[in-house]
Every structure is written in C-alpha cells, then in structure tokens.
Amino acid sequence: MTNKAYLIISSLLILVILLAGRHFGYSFLERFIAVIIVGGLFELFYRKKLKK
C-alpha cells in the first residue's frame, strides 16, 4: 500500500465515522473518541498486515 492510498483510506474512515456518528445522534466528543480509537486500530492493522 502506498502512502497516498493510506492517507486516502484513513481520511475516508474519519469522514465516515464523523458523518455516521452525527446521523445516529452522537455528540462531537463521542465521535472524536471513536475517530481516535478506529484511527489507532487502523494504524496497527496497517503496520502489521498491509505495509510491504
């Protein structure tokens, strides 16, 4: 996976979390915490599985 693809996927994940959280009625703080958690898990997954 190239750095450009990594940035696009991580940006889309953040956007989806923020918009979906707003749709389901979560507060901004809850959405922000979800972005941190999912972003961290994606980073771990990227380092272990996808980085080649």
N, C-alpha and C. Protein backbone atom coordinates (compact mmCIF):
# COMPACT_ATOMS: atom_id res chain seq x y z
N MET A 1 0.86 -1.17 0.00
CA MET A 1 0.00 0.00 0.00
C MET A 1 0.91 1.23 0.00
N THR A 2 0.61 2.13 -0.88
CA THR A 2 1.40 3.35 -0.96
C THR A 2 0.95 4.34 0.11
N ASN A 3 1.77 5.34 0.33
CA ASN A 3 1.44 6.36 1.33
C ASN A 3 0.19 7.13 0.93
N LYS A 4 0.02 7.36 -0.36
CA LYS A 4 -1.16 8.08 -0.84
C LYS A 4 -2.44 7.29 -0.57
N ALA A 5 -2.40 5.99 -0.83
CA ALA A 5 -3.57 5.14 -0.56
C ALA A 5 -3.87 5.09 0.93
N TYR A 6 -2.83 5.03 1.75
CA TYR A 6 -3.01 5.02 3.20
C TYR A 6 -3.70 6.29 3.67
N LEU A 7 -3.27 7.44 3.16
CA LEU A 7 -3.87 8.71 3.55
C LEU A 7 -5.33 8.81 3.10
N ILE A 8 -5.62 8.31 1.91
CA ILE A 8 -7.00 8.35 1.41
C ILE A 8 -7.90 7.47 2.25
N ILE A 9 -7.46 6.25 2.55
CA ILE A 9 -8.28 5.33 3.34
C ILE A 9 -8.50 5.87 4.75
N SER A 10 -7.45 6.39 5.38
CA SER A 10 -7.61 6.90 6.74
C SER A 10 -8.51 8.14 6.76
N SER A 11 -8.41 8.98 5.75
CA SER A 11 -9.29 10.16 5.67
C SER A 11 -10.75 9.74 5.48
N LEU A 12 -10.98 8.75 4.63
CA LEU A 12 -12.35 8.27 4.43
C LEU A 12 -12.92 7.64 5.69
N LEU A 13 -12.09 6.91 6.44
CA LEU A 13 -12.54 6.33 7.71
C LEU A 13 -12.97 7.42 8.68
N ILE A 14 -12.18 8.47 8.79
CA ILE A 14 -12.51 9.57 9.69
C ILE A 14 -13.81 10.24 9.26
N LEU A 15 -13.95 10.48 7.97
CA LEU A 15 -15.16 11.12 7.45
C LEU A 15 -16.40 10.26 7.71
N VAL A 16 -16.29 8.98 7.46
CA VAL A 16 -17.43 8.07 7.68
C VAL A 16 -17.82 8.04 9.15
N ILE A 17 -16.84 7.98 10.03
CA ILE A 17 -17.14 7.95 11.47
C ILE A 17 -17.83 9.23 11.91
N LEU A 18 -17.32 10.36 11.46
CA LEU A 18 -17.92 11.63 11.86
C LEU A 18 -19.34 11.78 11.32
N LEU A 19 -19.56 11.44 10.06
CA LEU A 19 -20.90 11.58 9.48
C LEU A 19 -21.88 10.56 10.03
N ALA A 20 -21.44 9.32 10.18
CA ALA A 20 -22.33 8.29 10.72
C ALA A 20 -22.68 8.59 12.17
N GLY A 21 -21.70 9.07 12.93
CA GLY A 21 -21.97 9.42 14.32
C GLY A 21 -22.97 10.56 14.43
N ARG A 22 -22.88 11.50 13.52
CA ARG A 22 -23.84 12.61 13.52
C ARG A 22 -25.23 12.11 13.16
N HIS A 23 -25.28 11.19 12.22
CA HIS A 23 -26.56 10.64 11.80
C HIS A 23 -27.24 9.88 12.95
N PHE A 24 -26.45 9.17 13.75
CA PHE A 24 -27.00 8.39 14.86
C PHE A 24 -27.16 9.20 16.13
N GLY A 25 -26.80 10.47 16.10
CA GLY A 25 -27.06 11.35 17.23
C GLY A 25 -26.00 11.37 18.30
N TYR A 26 -24.78 10.97 18.00
CA TYR A 26 -23.72 11.01 18.99
C TYR A 26 -23.16 12.42 19.10
N SER A 27 -22.67 12.76 20.28
CA SER A 27 -22.08 14.09 20.47
C SER A 27 -20.72 14.15 19.78
N PHE A 28 -20.20 15.37 19.66
CA PHE A 28 -18.91 15.54 18.99
C PHE A 28 -17.80 14.84 19.76
N LEU A 29 -17.87 14.89 21.08
CA LEU A 29 -16.84 14.23 21.89
C LEU A 29 -16.85 12.72 21.67
N GLU A 30 -18.02 12.12 21.60
CA GLU A 30 -18.11 10.69 21.34
C GLU A 30 -17.58 10.34 19.96
N ARG A 31 -17.89 11.16 18.98
CA ARG A 31 -17.37 10.93 17.63
C ARG A 31 -15.86 11.10 17.58
N PHE A 32 -15.33 12.08 18.29
CA PHE A 32 -13.89 12.32 18.33
C PHE A 32 -13.15 11.14 18.97
N ILE A 33 -13.70 10.61 20.05
CA ILE A 33 -13.11 9.44 20.71
C ILE A 33 -13.15 8.24 19.76
N ALA A 34 -14.24 8.07 19.04
CA ALA A 34 -14.34 6.97 18.08
C ALA A 34 -13.31 7.11 16.97
N VAL A 35 -13.06 8.33 16.51
CA VAL A 35 -12.04 8.56 15.48
C VAL A 35 -10.67 8.17 16.00
N ILE A 36 -10.36 8.53 17.24
CA ILE A 36 -9.06 8.18 17.82
C ILE A 36 -8.91 6.66 17.92
N ILE A 37 -9.94 5.98 18.39
CA ILE A 37 -9.87 4.53 18.56
C ILE A 37 -9.75 3.83 17.22
N VAL A 38 -10.63 4.15 16.29
CA VAL A 38 -10.61 3.48 14.98
C VAL A 38 -9.34 3.85 14.21
N GLY A 39 -8.92 5.09 14.31
CA GLY A 39 -7.68 5.50 13.66
C GLY A 39 -6.47 4.75 14.21
N GLY A 40 -6.43 4.57 15.51
CA GLY A 40 -5.35 3.80 16.12
C GLY A 40 -5.37 2.34 15.71
N LEU A 41 -6.56 1.76 15.66
CA LEU A 41 -6.67 0.36 15.23
C LEU A 41 -6.28 0.20 13.77
N PHE A 42 -6.66 1.16 12.92
CA PHE A 42 -6.27 1.11 11.52
C PHE A 42 -4.75 1.23 11.38
N GLU A 43 -4.14 2.08 12.19
CA GLU A 43 -2.69 2.24 12.17
C GLU A 43 -2.00 0.92 12.56
N LEU A 44 -2.50 0.26 13.59
CA LEU A 44 -1.93 -1.03 14.00
C LEU A 44 -2.11 -2.08 12.91
N PHE A 45 -3.30 -2.13 12.33
CA PHE A 45 -3.57 -3.08 11.25
C PHE A 45 -2.67 -2.81 10.05
N TYR A 46 -2.49 -1.54 9.73
CA TYR A 46 -1.65 -1.15 8.60
C TYR A 46 -0.20 -1.59 8.84
N ARG A 47 0.30 -1.35 10.02
CA ARG A 47 1.70 -1.71 10.32
C ARG A 47 1.92 -3.21 10.33
N LYS A 48 0.93 -3.98 10.79
CA LYS A 48 1.11 -5.43 10.89
C LYS A 48 0.84 -6.16 9.58
N LYS A 49 -0.20 -5.76 8.86
CA LYS A 49 -0.66 -6.56 7.72
C LYS A 49 -0.38 -5.92 6.36
N LEU A 50 -0.58 -4.63 6.23
CA LEU A 50 -0.63 -4.04 4.91
C LEU A 50 0.68 -3.40 4.45
N LYS A 51 1.56 -3.07 5.36
CA LYS A 51 2.79 -2.38 4.99
C LYS A 51 3.78 -3.38 4.40
N LYS A 52 4.09 -3.18 3.13
CA LYS A 52 5.03 -4.09 2.46
C LYS A 52 5.94 -3.32 1.55
